[in-house]
């Protein structure tokens, strides 16, 4: 049974909806930015946790995707607020982004906890970004939906398809063996990564995005949409609408496409060891899967049940 939430039931109401000195300060500062009462009055505040960065090629497009999420939130009657979070670029961060996954989880949790947020949209995709965002959102216990960054377009060299994270090793060995020239190696460098997005091979990024979808944390089919495909911005807008619709009701159990909203019901069918094992199994049956997911998937149920 579902009950439609009243504006005063929203978490953000204590920041923006009451008549006291602190709320006066909150509302006056929103007006300082250029917002007005009609932007927030009676509307749920949707936090868009964005891991965009100039140096993260997997997430280069997430600045624009945040705008498309906002469009969906506004269409459904919400108030979108974008909050930047740590961007973990596996291809740039040394020695490994695994050192910072838990930092991102903590940052995500505290961004949601410390601000007047009623629900969240999580934007990420590169390797440890997905588990970091999900772990933080689960720990906070707010309704959330994950928007996967999506894979880049496949590479191309002399009419051959190139796979990121796989063919680089193959052709490096060919170069060391003297089978390709330095000029050909440069051509491969120019052709192996043709667009923004995560690795298009089934590495950790693609595996984690698929597992997140299998766990019901993103819209069906979202993880396999290429980042440069026109369906990707439409999916982002649909996700913005979906999280607003989810907040229409207050449920005691897991909500479709959303991390369970109730702190008491964190131990839902979406965040148990059984669900994690099922998600890994589903991703593995669909195709090859990265062993990198093993170090992150068990952490989500632990966060959900602590």
Protein backbone atom coordinates (compact mmCIF):
# COMPACT_ATOMS: atom_id res chain seq x y z
CA UNK A 1 0.00 0.00 0.00
CA UNK A 2 1.33 3.44 -0.89
CA UNK A 3 0.60 6.83 0.58
CA UNK A 4 1.27 10.02 -1.32
CA UNK A 5 3.73 12.20 0.53
CA UNK A 6 2.66 15.66 1.64
CA UNK A 7 5.11 18.56 1.21
CA UNK A 8 5.58 18.73 4.99
CA UNK A 9 6.66 15.08 4.97
CA UNK A 10 9.65 15.85 2.78
CA UNK A 11 13.08 15.92 4.39
CA UNK A 12 13.79 19.31 2.80
CA UNK A 13 10.78 20.83 4.56
CA UNK A 14 12.82 21.36 7.74
CA UNK A 15 15.22 23.54 5.71
CA UNK A 16 12.82 25.41 3.47
CA UNK A 17 9.24 24.94 4.59
CA UNK A 18 9.06 26.16 8.19
CA UNK A 19 8.88 29.69 9.57
CA UNK A 20 11.96 30.22 11.72
CA UNK A 21 15.27 32.03 11.62
CA UNK A 22 17.28 29.18 10.10
CA UNK A 23 14.79 28.61 7.29
CA UNK A 24 14.78 32.34 6.61
CA UNK A 25 18.53 32.07 6.05
CA UNK A 26 18.21 29.04 3.78
CA UNK A 27 15.51 30.60 1.63
CA UNK A 28 17.25 33.97 1.40
CA UNK A 29 20.44 32.30 0.19
CA UNK A 30 18.53 30.39 -2.49
CA UNK A 31 17.09 33.72 -3.59
CA UNK A 32 20.66 35.01 -3.68
CA UNK A 33 21.39 32.43 -6.41
CA UNK A 34 18.34 33.56 -8.38
CA UNK A 35 15.73 31.00 -7.29
CA UNK A 36 12.25 31.97 -6.13
CA UNK A 37 9.60 30.43 -3.89
CA UNK A 38 7.93 28.70 -6.83
CA UNK A 39 11.15 26.75 -7.47
CA UNK A 40 11.05 24.90 -4.13
CA UNK A 41 7.65 25.39 -2.46
CA UNK A 42 5.94 22.01 -2.16
CA UNK A 43 8.51 20.37 -4.41
CA UNK A 44 10.97 17.61 -3.46
CA UNK A 45 14.60 18.62 -3.73
CA UNK A 46 16.52 16.20 -5.95
CA UNK A 47 20.27 16.13 -5.48
CA UNK A 48 22.24 15.29 -8.62
CA UNK A 49 25.58 13.85 -7.51
CA UNK A 50 27.84 14.50 -10.48
CA UNK A 51 31.32 12.98 -10.89
CA UNK A 52 32.11 14.98 -14.03
CA UNK A 53 35.70 16.14 -14.54
CA UNK A 54 37.82 17.57 -17.33
CA UNK A 55 40.46 14.91 -16.72
CA UNK A 56 38.05 11.96 -16.62
CA UNK A 57 37.28 10.97 -20.24
CA UNK A 58 34.75 8.40 -19.04
CA UNK A 59 32.65 11.22 -17.54
CA UNK A 60 33.31 14.13 -19.92
CA UNK A 61 29.67 14.18 -20.98
CA UNK A 62 28.21 14.10 -17.47
CA UNK A 63 28.15 17.90 -17.25
CA UNK A 64 25.57 17.87 -20.06
CA UNK A 65 23.80 14.78 -18.72
CA UNK A 66 23.21 16.61 -15.43
CA UNK A 67 21.29 19.24 -17.39
CA UNK A 68 19.20 16.51 -18.99
CA UNK A 69 18.48 14.96 -15.59
CA UNK A 70 17.40 18.39 -14.37
CA UNK A 71 14.98 18.63 -17.30
CA UNK A 72 13.34 15.37 -16.24
CA UNK A 73 13.13 16.44 -12.60
CA UNK A 74 11.52 19.74 -13.59
CA UNK A 75 9.09 17.99 -15.95
CA UNK A 76 7.92 15.85 -13.04
CA UNK A 77 7.63 18.76 -10.60
CA UNK A 78 10.83 18.50 -8.59
CA UNK A 79 13.57 21.00 -7.70
CA UNK A 80 16.96 19.77 -9.04
CA UNK A 81 20.21 20.76 -7.36
CA UNK A 82 23.57 19.63 -8.75
CA UNK A 83 26.32 18.69 -6.28
CA UNK A 84 29.85 17.89 -7.54
CA UNK A 85 31.65 14.86 -6.16
CA UNK A 86 35.10 13.31 -6.52
CA UNK A 87 35.74 12.02 -10.04
CA UNK A 88 37.72 8.77 -10.04
CA UNK A 89 39.34 8.41 -13.47
CA UNK A 90 40.88 4.93 -13.52
CA UNK A 91 42.98 5.84 -16.56
CA UNK A 92 44.55 8.85 -14.82
CA UNK A 93 44.60 8.28 -11.05
CA UNK A 94 47.72 6.56 -9.74
CA UNK A 95 48.36 4.07 -8.34
CA UNK A 96 44.69 3.04 -8.40
CA UNK A 97 41.25 4.53 -7.80
CA UNK A 98 40.58 1.72 -5.33
CA UNK A 99 42.36 3.89 -2.75
CA UNK A 100 39.60 6.50 -3.14
CA UNK A 101 36.43 4.45 -3.58
CA UNK A 102 35.51 4.76 0.08
CA UNK A 103 36.28 8.50 0.02
CA UNK A 104 33.69 8.88 -2.74
CA UNK A 105 31.23 6.77 -0.75
CA UNK A 106 31.70 8.98 2.30
CA UNK A 107 31.47 12.15 0.22
CA UNK A 108 28.24 10.96 -1.44
CA UNK A 109 26.68 10.04 1.90
CA UNK A 110 27.60 13.34 3.54
CA UNK A 111 26.54 15.46 0.55
CA UNK A 112 23.09 13.87 0.82
CA UNK A 113 23.00 14.00 4.62
CA UNK A 114 24.12 17.59 5.08
CA UNK A 115 21.94 19.22 2.43
CA UNK A 116 18.13 19.54 2.08
CA UNK A 117 17.90 16.55 -0.27
CA UNK A 118 14.83 14.32 -0.60
CA UNK A 119 16.07 12.02 -3.36
CA UNK A 120 19.21 11.61 -5.46
CA UNK A 121 20.36 10.91 -8.98
CA UNK A 122 23.87 9.42 -9.10
CA UNK A 123 25.98 10.13 -12.21
CA UNK A 124 29.02 7.92 -12.73
CA UNK A 125 30.45 4.94 -14.54
CA UNK A 126 34.24 4.63 -14.41
CA UNK A 127 35.34 1.56 -12.42
CA UNK A 128 35.20 2.48 -8.69
CA UNK A 129 32.81 5.39 -9.21
CA UNK A 130 29.75 3.17 -9.46
CA UNK A 131 30.27 1.30 -6.16
CA UNK A 132 31.39 4.50 -4.42
CA UNK A 133 28.21 6.35 -5.37
CA UNK A 134 25.94 3.41 -4.57
CA UNK A 135 27.59 2.65 -1.23
CA UNK A 136 27.19 6.28 -0.15
CA UNK A 137 23.55 6.48 -1.23
CA UNK A 138 22.68 3.19 0.46
CA UNK A 139 24.33 4.35 3.68
CA UNK A 140 22.29 7.54 3.62
CA UNK A 141 19.08 5.66 2.88
CA UNK A 142 17.42 8.17 0.53
CA UNK A 143 15.54 7.20 -2.65
CA UNK A 144 18.16 7.21 -5.38
CA UNK A 145 18.61 6.23 -9.00
CA UNK A 146 21.86 5.57 -10.81
CA UNK A 147 22.59 7.00 -14.28
CA UNK A 148 25.45 5.00 -15.85
CA UNK A 149 27.91 6.96 -17.97
CA UNK A 150 27.73 4.34 -20.72
CA UNK A 151 30.48 2.88 -22.91
CA UNK A 152 32.44 4.84 -25.51
CA UNK A 153 32.24 3.99 -29.21
CA UNK A 154 34.45 1.10 -30.27
CA UNK A 155 37.86 1.95 -31.67
CA UNK A 156 38.93 1.64 -35.29
CA UNK A 157 42.26 1.10 -37.03
CA UNK A 158 42.72 0.12 -40.66
CA UNK A 159 39.18 -1.23 -40.78
CA UNK A 160 39.65 -3.33 -37.64
CA UNK A 161 37.64 -2.88 -34.44
CA UNK A 162 39.70 -1.91 -31.41
CA UNK A 163 38.71 -2.63 -27.83
CA UNK A 164 39.93 -0.38 -25.03
CA UNK A 165 41.80 -2.14 -22.27
CA UNK A 166 42.37 -5.23 -24.41
CA UNK A 167 43.78 -4.41 -27.85
CA UNK A 168 46.23 -1.96 -26.33
CA UNK A 169 48.07 -4.92 -24.78
CA UNK A 170 47.84 -6.94 -27.99
CA UNK A 171 49.32 -4.24 -30.19
CA UNK A 172 51.91 -3.22 -27.61
CA UNK A 173 53.26 -6.77 -27.85
CA UNK A 174 53.10 -6.51 -31.65
CA UNK A 175 55.11 -3.29 -31.49
CA UNK A 176 57.70 -4.83 -29.16
CA UNK A 177 57.99 -7.77 -31.54
CA UNK A 178 58.63 -5.41 -34.43
CA UNK A 179 55.45 -6.39 -36.27
CA UNK A 180 54.05 -2.85 -36.41
CA UNK A 181 55.85 0.46 -36.84
CA UNK A 182 55.93 3.49 -34.58
CA UNK A 183 53.72 5.29 -37.08
CA UNK A 184 51.14 2.48 -36.94
CA UNK A 185 51.30 2.54 -33.15
CA UNK A 186 50.49 6.28 -33.29
CA UNK A 187 47.54 5.52 -35.57
CA UNK A 188 46.21 3.03 -33.02
CA UNK A 189 46.61 5.63 -30.27
CA UNK A 190 44.50 8.04 -32.33
CA UNK A 191 41.80 5.47 -33.11
CA UNK A 192 41.32 3.37 -29.99
CA UNK A 193 39.24 5.87 -27.98
CA UNK A 194 36.77 7.57 -30.33
CA UNK A 195 34.32 9.22 -27.94
CA UNK A 196 33.59 10.03 -24.32
CA UNK A 197 32.37 7.17 -22.14
CA UNK A 198 33.79 4.20 -20.26
CA UNK A 199 35.77 1.34 -21.79
CA UNK A 200 33.56 -0.44 -24.33
CA UNK A 201 34.96 -3.83 -23.39
CA UNK A 202 33.51 -5.79 -20.46
CA UNK A 203 35.97 -4.46 -17.91
CA UNK A 204 35.22 -3.27 -14.39
CA UNK A 205 33.31 -0.17 -15.53
CA UNK A 206 30.91 -2.05 -17.82
CA UNK A 207 30.54 -4.90 -15.33
CA UNK A 208 29.68 -2.58 -12.44
CA UNK A 209 27.19 -0.63 -14.55
CA UNK A 210 25.52 -3.90 -15.59
CA UNK A 211 25.42 -5.15 -12.00
CA UNK A 212 23.89 -1.86 -10.81
CA UNK A 213 21.15 -2.30 -13.41
CA UNK A 214 20.66 -5.96 -12.42
CA UNK A 215 20.18 -4.83 -8.81
CA UNK A 216 17.39 -2.48 -9.89
CA UNK A 217 19.34 0.72 -9.24
CA UNK A 218 18.99 2.15 -12.77
CA UNK A 219 16.38 2.10 -15.50
CA UNK A 220 16.14 -1.16 -17.49
CA UNK A 221 18.63 -1.19 -20.35
CA UNK A 222 20.46 1.92 -19.12
CA UNK A 223 23.87 0.31 -18.67
CA UNK A 224 24.25 -0.79 -22.29
CA UNK A 225 23.44 2.52 -24.00
CA UNK A 226 26.60 3.98 -25.59
CA UNK A 227 27.55 7.32 -24.07
CA UNK A 228 27.45 9.07 -27.45
CA UNK A 229 24.09 7.57 -28.48
CA UNK A 230 21.07 9.91 -28.55
CA UNK A 231 19.23 7.42 -26.33
CA UNK A 232 21.65 8.25 -23.53
CA UNK A 233 20.45 11.82 -22.85
CA UNK A 234 16.86 10.56 -23.11
CA UNK A 235 17.64 7.94 -20.48
CA UNK A 236 19.09 10.67 -18.24
CA UNK A 237 15.91 12.72 -18.56
CA UNK A 238 13.75 9.65 -17.87
CA UNK A 239 15.81 8.98 -14.74
CA UNK A 240 15.11 12.52 -13.53
CA UNK A 241 11.40 11.96 -14.00
CA UNK A 242 11.56 8.53 -12.37
CA UNK A 243 13.14 9.71 -9.12
CA UNK A 244 10.53 12.46 -8.78
CA UNK A 245 7.71 9.98 -9.35
CA UNK A 246 9.25 7.65 -6.77
CA UNK A 247 9.02 10.43 -4.20
CA UNK A 248 5.27 10.72 -4.72
CA UNK A 249 4.88 7.76 -2.38
CA UNK A 250 6.31 6.52 0.88
CA UNK A 251 6.92 2.79 0.92
CA UNK A 252 8.08 0.35 3.54
CA UNK A 253 9.88 -1.86 1.03
CA UNK A 254 12.16 -1.39 -1.94
CA UNK A 255 10.95 0.89 -4.72
CA UNK A 256 11.56 -0.02 -8.38
CA UNK A 257 14.63 1.68 -9.88
CA UNK A 258 15.44 3.20 -6.51
CA UNK A 259 17.56 2.36 -3.52
CA UNK A 260 15.21 1.74 -0.61
CA UNK A 261 14.18 5.05 1.01
CA UNK A 262 13.54 3.88 4.54
CA UNK A 263 16.43 3.68 6.98
CA UNK A 264 14.58 0.85 8.72
CA UNK A 265 14.23 -1.10 5.48
CA UNK A 266 17.81 -0.77 4.21
CA UNK A 267 18.05 -4.54 4.36
CA UNK A 268 15.88 -4.84 1.27
CA UNK A 269 15.94 -7.30 -1.58
CA UNK A 270 18.21 -4.85 -3.42
CA UNK A 271 20.98 -4.65 -0.85
CA UNK A 272 21.53 -8.12 0.60
CA UNK A 273 24.34 -10.60 -0.08
CA UNK A 274 21.82 -12.75 -1.94
CA UNK A 275 20.90 -9.86 -4.21
CA UNK A 276 24.58 -9.10 -4.80
CA UNK A 277 25.32 -12.70 -5.75
CA UNK A 278 22.31 -12.74 -8.07
CA UNK A 279 23.43 -9.50 -9.72
CA UNK A 280 26.95 -10.83 -10.31
CA UNK A 281 25.47 -14.05 -11.71
CA UNK A 282 23.16 -12.14 -14.04
CA UNK A 283 25.99 -9.97 -15.37
CA UNK A 284 28.22 -13.02 -15.85
CA UNK A 285 25.54 -14.94 -17.76
CA UNK A 286 24.97 -11.95 -20.04
CA UNK A 287 28.63 -11.97 -21.10
CA UNK A 288 32.18 -11.82 -19.75
CA UNK A 289 32.50 -9.98 -16.44
CA UNK A 290 35.43 -8.35 -14.70
CA UNK A 291 36.82 -9.85 -11.52
CA UNK A 292 37.21 -6.25 -10.33
CA UNK A 293 33.58 -6.26 -9.21
CA UNK A 294 34.34 -8.80 -6.48
CA UNK A 295 36.05 -6.21 -4.27
CA UNK A 296 33.14 -3.75 -4.42
CA UNK A 297 29.87 -5.68 -4.60
CA UNK A 298 30.10 -7.23 -1.09
CA UNK A 299 30.69 -3.75 0.36
CA UNK A 300 27.21 -2.51 -0.60
CA UNK A 301 25.27 -4.95 1.61
CA UNK A 302 27.62 -4.14 4.49
CA UNK A 303 26.84 -0.45 4.07
CA UNK A 304 23.13 -1.19 3.82
CA UNK A 305 23.03 -3.14 7.06
CA UNK A 306 25.38 -1.18 9.30
